Amino acid sequence: MVIPYYWAEARLQHKTPSRQITVQRWGWSDISQEDAQMLADQRAQEAITRIESGEKLRRREPKVAYDCVDQVPIREEVVSQHGNAVITRNSYGSLCLNTPDVFFADVDASPKGMLQMSLKGCLLLIVLGVVTGILTKSVMAGLGLVIGLPWLASAIMGQINKQRLSRAEAQAKEEAMTAIEAFSASRPAWYLRVYETPAGYRLLAMHDLFDAAGETTQEALQALNADKRFVRMCAVQGCFRARVSPKYWRMKYKVPVTLPKSKWPFPEEHVPLRQQWIEAYDQRSPKYASCRFIKDLGSGIVHPEAEAVRAVHDAYCRAQSDLPLA
């Protein structure tokens, strides 16, 4: 796991008689900004050389927090470090715990049986409105049905979903917990702490350390039906990751200013606005928990490094509190 403090960007252009090549690459360092810039320049020059030799490479690296293609390290603001665990702040302001060897997995409990308006269904209702308008020779009738039928169908489905939601959520959580307990029973040497999250459950393995890219980890994450992007991130970045502060929209935080869309490192002109946003977020986030501890499963064996990460995780998440989840 590599999460550098310093980041820099390089853009190079190379003209040939037949075309112009423009390449953008990131550079990073734990030493200095200058060191990060040197790496960015070096990577950009290497990319141009390889493209000129006929290799098919991306001209620009995506502006995302972590890249699962070219193994660029996690690019987020480093807030604090606790042993090998690093706390970063993601693009929408939440804090995330990153650890190279302590196993985390979020298991979502998505409600089933919710009605949704499909594209085909919406088009069918629109066509019905148009046909009705033609047959009745009434533009107003046709236009009213074109607008009204999809809206009415959506409103009806919304009411049905509202009535179903509570029961569907309870059933989804019950099914998710059954799967977690079956997973634990099949691995008696494991010791899992189970936390409730707004979307389901989080598991923290306490009995041992894990290679995030290793076969055991990948098999376990797949058996738990973890998010595919998370599974790949673990493998590519050599890292486990858990959000440890609330999502602002779940706090019903009415943002006083628009959060800049830029990613870390932020353009200089965005820094004051970003800081203003974060200060307002930090005033509200202590009223919410990111997850809540509910029970232990398994052997009870505790690895000291896993225990150290647990302490940091639980403190940041306010996992032992009765605060609302967000």
Protein backbone atom coordinates (compact mmCIF):
# COMPACT_ATOMS: atom_id res chain seq x y z
CA MET A 1 0.00 0.00 0.00
CA VAL A 2 1.35 3.38 -1.05
CA ILE A 3 -0.48 6.61 -0.16
CA PRO A 4 1.90 9.52 -0.82
CA TYR A 5 1.73 12.97 0.79
CA TYR A 6 2.89 14.87 -2.31
CA TRP A 7 1.43 14.81 -5.82
CA ALA A 8 2.31 16.58 -9.06
CA GLU A 9 1.08 16.52 -12.64
CA ALA A 10 3.08 16.70 -15.88
CA ARG A 11 1.85 17.37 -19.43
CA LEU A 12 4.19 16.90 -22.35
CA GLN A 13 3.66 17.43 -26.06
CA HIS A 14 5.66 15.92 -28.88
CA LYS A 15 5.17 16.91 -32.51
CA THR A 16 5.98 14.74 -35.47
CA PRO A 17 5.44 15.52 -39.17
CA SER A 18 2.16 13.58 -39.07
CA ARG A 19 0.72 14.14 -35.58
CA GLN A 20 1.03 15.74 -32.16
CA ILE A 21 1.21 13.56 -29.04
CA THR A 22 0.02 15.04 -25.74
CA VAL A 23 0.59 12.98 -22.60
CA GLN A 24 -0.45 13.63 -18.97
CA ARG A 25 0.95 11.67 -16.06
CA TRP A 26 0.95 11.88 -12.24
CA GLY A 27 3.97 11.81 -9.99
CA TRP A 28 4.07 11.20 -6.24
CA SER A 29 6.44 11.29 -3.30
CA ASP A 30 6.67 11.16 0.48
CA ILE A 31 9.76 13.39 0.35
CA SER A 32 8.80 16.66 -1.34
CA GLN A 33 6.69 18.37 -4.00
CA GLU A 34 9.78 18.71 -6.18
CA ASP A 35 10.42 14.98 -5.98
CA ALA A 36 6.82 14.30 -7.02
CA GLN A 37 7.21 16.66 -10.00
CA MET A 38 10.39 14.92 -11.10
CA LEU A 39 8.57 11.57 -11.13
CA ALA A 40 5.62 13.06 -13.05
CA ASP A 41 7.98 14.48 -15.69
CA GLN A 42 9.83 11.18 -15.92
CA ARG A 43 6.63 9.13 -16.30
CA ALA A 44 5.29 11.51 -18.95
CA GLN A 45 8.52 11.29 -20.97
CA GLU A 46 8.55 7.49 -20.68
CA ALA A 47 4.94 7.37 -21.90
CA ILE A 48 5.73 9.51 -24.96
CA THR A 49 8.73 7.31 -25.79
CA ARG A 50 6.62 4.15 -25.55
CA ILE A 51 3.79 5.62 -27.62
CA GLU A 52 6.28 6.69 -30.30
CA SER A 53 7.60 3.12 -30.40
CA GLY A 54 4.11 1.84 -31.21
CA GLU A 55 2.69 0.90 -27.81
CA LYS A 56 -0.97 1.66 -27.20
CA LEU A 57 -1.08 3.61 -23.94
CA ARG A 58 -3.59 5.98 -22.43
CA ARG A 59 -2.65 9.56 -23.20
CA ARG A 60 -4.11 10.81 -19.90
CA GLU A 61 -4.43 9.22 -16.50
CA PRO A 62 -7.95 9.57 -15.05
CA LYS A 63 -8.58 12.04 -12.25
CA VAL A 64 -9.88 9.44 -9.82
CA ALA A 65 -8.83 8.65 -6.26
CA TYR A 66 -7.43 5.27 -7.20
CA ASP A 67 -6.69 3.83 -10.60
CA CYS A 68 -7.17 0.11 -11.09
CA VAL A 69 -5.42 0.03 -14.48
CA ASP A 70 -1.93 1.52 -14.25
CA GLN A 71 -1.42 0.97 -10.50
CA VAL A 72 -1.17 4.66 -9.64
CA PRO A 73 -1.28 4.94 -5.82
CA ILE A 74 -4.34 6.18 -3.95
CA ARG A 75 -4.50 9.92 -4.57
CA GLU A 76 -6.27 11.52 -1.61
CA GLU A 77 -5.36 14.05 1.04
CA VAL A 78 -3.56 12.33 3.94
CA VAL A 79 -5.17 13.47 7.21
CA SER A 80 -3.32 11.31 9.76
CA GLN A 81 -1.34 8.11 10.18
CA HIS A 82 -1.67 5.42 12.88
CA GLY A 83 1.06 2.83 12.50
CA ASN A 84 0.54 1.30 9.07
CA ALA A 85 -3.01 2.64 8.84
CA VAL A 86 -3.54 5.92 6.97
CA ILE A 87 -6.60 8.16 7.25
CA THR A 88 -7.40 10.03 4.02
CA ARG A 89 -10.21 12.36 2.99
CA ASN A 90 -12.08 11.37 -0.16
CA SER A 91 -13.50 13.56 -2.90
CA TYR A 92 -16.84 14.21 -1.15
CA GLY A 93 -15.29 14.98 2.24
CA SER A 94 -15.57 11.71 4.18
CA LEU A 95 -12.60 10.19 6.00
CA CYS A 96 -11.40 6.73 4.94
CA LEU A 97 -9.16 4.29 6.79
CA ASN A 98 -6.61 2.53 4.56
CA THR A 99 -4.64 -0.45 5.81
CA PRO A 100 -2.28 -2.81 3.97
CA ASP A 101 -3.04 -5.98 5.92
CA VAL A 102 -6.11 -5.77 8.19
CA PHE A 103 -9.11 -7.34 6.48
CA PHE A 104 -12.24 -5.22 5.97
CA ALA A 105 -15.27 -6.06 3.86
CA ASP A 106 -18.57 -4.24 3.47
CA VAL A 107 -21.53 -6.51 2.72
CA ASP A 108 -24.43 -4.58 1.26
CA ALA A 109 -28.01 -5.56 2.02
CA SER A 110 -29.92 -4.23 -0.98
CA PRO A 111 -33.73 -4.44 -0.73
CA LYS A 112 -35.27 -6.64 -3.41
CA GLY A 113 -38.66 -6.41 -5.08
CA MET A 114 -38.56 -2.64 -5.61
CA LEU A 115 -40.41 -1.46 -8.72
CA GLN A 116 -38.53 0.63 -11.28
CA MET A 117 -39.58 2.37 -14.46
CA SER A 118 -37.62 0.78 -17.28
CA LEU A 119 -36.64 2.67 -20.40
CA LYS A 120 -38.81 0.36 -22.51
CA GLY A 121 -41.78 0.91 -20.21
CA CYS A 122 -41.34 4.68 -20.34
CA LEU A 123 -41.09 4.65 -24.14
CA LEU A 124 -44.18 2.45 -24.35
CA LEU A 125 -46.20 4.96 -22.31
CA ILE A 126 -44.93 7.83 -24.47
CA VAL A 127 -45.89 5.97 -27.65
CA LEU A 128 -49.31 5.25 -26.15
CA GLY A 129 -49.76 8.98 -25.53
CA VAL A 130 -48.70 9.85 -29.07
CA VAL A 131 -51.03 7.26 -30.62
CA THR A 132 -53.92 8.46 -28.47
CA GLY A 133 -53.30 12.03 -29.61
CA ILE A 134 -53.30 10.95 -33.26
CA LEU A 135 -56.48 8.86 -32.93
CA THR A 136 -58.36 11.59 -31.05
CA LYS A 137 -56.87 14.29 -33.28
CA SER A 138 -56.05 16.22 -30.13
CA VAL A 139 -52.57 17.60 -29.61
CA MET A 140 -53.43 18.54 -26.03
CA ALA A 141 -54.70 15.06 -25.18
CA GLY A 142 -51.63 13.42 -26.70
CA LEU A 143 -49.22 15.83 -25.00
CA GLY A 144 -51.01 15.41 -21.67
CA LEU A 145 -50.70 11.63 -21.86
CA VAL A 146 -47.07 11.74 -23.03
CA ILE A 147 -46.20 13.78 -19.93
CA GLY A 148 -48.78 12.40 -17.53
CA LEU A 149 -48.60 8.62 -18.05
CA PRO A 150 -44.89 8.20 -17.14
CA TRP A 151 -45.34 10.57 -14.19
CA LEU A 152 -48.43 8.70 -12.96
CA ALA A 153 -46.76 5.30 -13.34
CA SER A 154 -43.68 6.55 -11.49
CA ALA A 155 -45.82 8.02 -8.69
CA ILE A 156 -47.77 4.76 -8.27
CA MET A 157 -44.56 2.69 -8.17
CA GLY A 158 -43.13 5.13 -5.65
CA GLN A 159 -46.05 4.62 -3.32
CA ILE A 160 -45.85 0.83 -3.67
CA ASN A 161 -42.09 0.92 -2.98
CA LYS A 162 -42.64 3.12 0.07
CA GLN A 163 -45.00 0.51 1.52
CA ARG A 164 -42.62 -2.34 0.69
CA LEU A 165 -39.36 -0.70 1.75
CA SER A 166 -39.31 -1.40 5.49
CA ARG A 167 -40.08 -5.09 5.06
CA ALA A 168 -37.70 -5.42 2.08
CA GLU A 169 -34.84 -3.80 4.02
CA ALA A 170 -35.40 -6.09 7.01
CA GLN A 171 -35.46 -9.16 4.77
CA ALA A 172 -32.31 -8.07 2.91
CA LYS A 173 -30.45 -7.54 6.20
CA GLU A 174 -31.61 -10.92 7.48
CA GLU A 175 -30.38 -12.63 4.30
CA ALA A 176 -27.06 -10.78 4.47
CA MET A 177 -26.54 -11.78 8.10
CA THR A 178 -27.36 -15.41 7.29
CA ALA A 179 -24.68 -15.34 4.57
CA ILE A 180 -22.16 -13.77 6.96
CA GLU A 181 -22.84 -16.38 9.65
CA ALA A 182 -22.49 -19.17 7.05
CA PHE A 183 -19.17 -17.65 5.95
CA SER A 184 -17.99 -17.58 9.57
CA ALA A 185 -19.11 -21.15 10.23
CA SER A 186 -17.13 -22.37 7.21
CA ARG A 187 -13.97 -20.73 8.57
CA PRO A 188 -13.77 -21.64 12.28
CA ALA A 189 -10.27 -20.16 12.69
CA TRP A 190 -11.52 -16.70 11.71
CA TYR A 191 -12.60 -14.10 14.25
CA LEU A 192 -14.92 -11.45 12.81
CA ARG A 193 -16.33 -8.30 14.30
CA VAL A 194 -19.64 -7.41 12.66
CA TYR A 195 -20.80 -3.80 12.33
CA GLU A 196 -24.06 -2.43 11.01
CA THR A 197 -23.74 0.23 8.29
CA PRO A 198 -26.39 2.34 6.57
CA ALA A 199 -26.25 -0.04 3.59
CA GLY A 200 -25.77 -3.38 5.37
CA TYR A 201 -22.82 -4.74 7.37
CA ARG A 202 -19.06 -4.33 7.72
CA LEU A 203 -16.72 -7.14 8.71
CA LEU A 204 -13.35 -6.72 10.40
CA ALA A 205 -11.11 -9.80 10.72
CA MET A 206 -9.24 -9.81 14.02
CA HIS A 207 -7.42 -13.15 14.08
CA ASP A 208 -4.65 -12.56 11.52
CA LEU A 209 -3.15 -10.22 8.94
CA PHE A 210 -3.91 -10.60 5.24
CA ASP A 211 -2.30 -9.89 1.90
CA ALA A 212 -4.87 -7.62 0.22
CA ALA A 213 -3.92 -9.03 -3.19
CA GLY A 214 -3.58 -12.61 -1.98
CA GLU A 215 -5.68 -15.59 -2.96
CA THR A 216 -7.20 -16.03 0.51
CA THR A 217 -8.36 -12.42 0.57
CA GLN A 218 -9.76 -12.49 -2.94
CA GLU A 219 -11.64 -15.74 -2.29
CA ALA A 220 -13.08 -14.38 0.96
CA LEU A 221 -14.25 -11.11 -0.63
CA GLN A 222 -15.89 -12.99 -3.48
CA ALA A 223 -17.54 -15.43 -1.07
CA LEU A 224 -18.97 -12.44 0.81
CA ASN A 225 -20.17 -10.90 -2.46
CA ALA A 226 -18.20 -7.72 -1.81
CA ASP A 227 -18.37 -4.88 -4.31
CA LYS A 228 -16.38 -5.87 -7.43
CA ARG A 229 -14.63 -2.51 -7.63
CA PHE A 230 -13.56 -2.86 -3.99
CA VAL A 231 -12.23 -6.38 -4.65
CA ARG A 232 -10.18 -5.13 -7.57
CA MET A 233 -8.93 -2.11 -5.62
CA CYS A 234 -7.67 -4.43 -2.87
CA ALA A 235 -5.74 -6.47 -5.42
CA VAL A 236 -4.26 -3.57 -7.40
CA GLN A 237 -3.57 -1.15 -4.53
CA GLY A 238 -2.55 -3.77 -1.96
CA CYS A 239 -4.95 -2.14 0.46
CA PHE A 240 -8.12 -2.58 2.49
CA ARG A 241 -10.34 0.45 2.89
CA ALA A 242 -13.23 1.51 5.13
CA ARG A 243 -15.12 4.81 5.30
CA VAL A 244 -14.94 6.10 8.89
CA SER A 245 -16.92 9.35 8.81
CA PRO A 246 -20.46 10.04 7.54
CA LYS A 247 -21.55 10.69 3.99
CA TYR A 248 -22.75 14.29 3.96
CA TRP A 249 -26.05 13.58 2.19
CA ARG A 250 -26.97 10.97 4.78
CA MET A 251 -26.52 13.65 7.46
CA LYS A 252 -29.04 15.73 5.48
CA TYR A 253 -26.34 18.35 5.40
CA LYS A 254 -27.58 21.31 3.41
CA VAL A 255 -24.40 22.45 1.78
CA PRO A 256 -23.76 26.19 2.22
CA VAL A 257 -21.43 26.20 -0.80
CA THR A 258 -20.96 23.92 -3.78
CA LEU A 259 -18.16 21.42 -3.23
CA PRO A 260 -15.59 21.86 -6.03
CA LYS A 261 -15.52 18.95 -8.47
CA SER A 262 -11.72 18.92 -8.57
CA LYS A 263 -9.70 16.04 -7.10
CA TRP A 264 -6.67 16.06 -4.81
CA PRO A 265 -4.32 17.85 -5.15
CA PHE A 266 -6.78 20.72 -5.61
CA PRO A 267 -6.15 23.72 -7.83
CA GLU A 268 -5.01 26.67 -5.74
CA GLU A 269 -8.18 28.63 -6.48
CA HIS A 270 -10.36 25.80 -5.10
CA VAL A 271 -8.57 25.41 -1.75
CA PRO A 272 -10.41 28.15 0.23
CA LEU A 273 -13.83 26.94 -0.93
CA ARG A 274 -12.93 23.33 -0.20
CA GLN A 275 -11.70 24.27 3.29
CA GLN A 276 -14.89 26.20 4.00
CA TRP A 277 -16.94 23.18 2.97
CA ILE A 278 -14.87 20.77 5.12
CA GLU A 279 -15.13 23.00 8.21
CA ALA A 280 -18.92 23.02 7.93
CA TYR A 281 -18.91 19.23 7.42
CA ASP A 282 -16.67 18.68 10.46
CA GLN A 283 -19.07 20.64 12.67
CA ARG A 284 -21.92 18.24 11.86
CA SER A 285 -20.23 14.86 11.46
CA PRO A 286 -19.70 14.20 15.23
CA LYS A 287 -23.48 13.84 15.57
CA TYR A 288 -23.44 10.67 13.43
CA ALA A 289 -21.77 7.27 13.40
CA SER A 290 -20.45 5.57 10.27
CA CYS A 291 -21.14 2.07 11.58
CA ARG A 292 -22.27 0.39 14.79
CA PHE A 293 -20.71 -2.71 16.39
CA ILE A 294 -23.28 -5.45 16.86
CA LYS A 295 -21.55 -8.78 17.53
CA ASP A 296 -18.52 -11.08 17.32
CA LEU A 297 -18.28 -14.28 15.30
CA GLY A 298 -15.69 -17.03 15.40
CA SER A 299 -12.56 -18.04 17.26
CA GLY A 300 -11.94 -14.99 19.46
CA ILE A 301 -8.23 -14.96 18.52
CA VAL A 302 -6.90 -11.40 18.31
CA HIS A 303 -3.83 -10.29 16.37
CA PRO A 304 -2.24 -7.22 18.07
CA GLU A 305 -1.94 -5.23 14.82
CA ALA A 306 -5.58 -5.93 13.95
CA GLU A 307 -6.54 -4.76 17.45
CA ALA A 308 -4.63 -1.51 16.93
CA VAL A 309 -6.50 -0.85 13.69
CA ARG A 310 -9.80 -1.78 15.34
CA ALA A 311 -9.24 0.85 18.03
CA VAL A 312 -8.62 3.54 15.40
CA HIS A 313 -11.55 2.38 13.29
CA ASP A 314 -14.04 2.27 16.15
CA ALA A 315 -13.00 5.68 17.46
CA TYR A 316 -13.35 7.39 14.10
CA CYS A 317 -16.61 5.60 13.28
CA ARG A 318 -18.08 6.12 16.78
CA ALA A 319 -18.95 2.45 16.50
CA GLN A 320 -19.80 2.00 20.19
CA SER A 321 -22.29 4.90 20.26
CA ASP A 322 -26.05 5.07 19.76
CA LEU A 323 -25.73 7.90 17.25
CA PRO A 324 -27.71 7.65 13.98
CA LEU A 325 -25.87 5.99 11.10
CA ALA A 326 -24.86 8.07 8.11
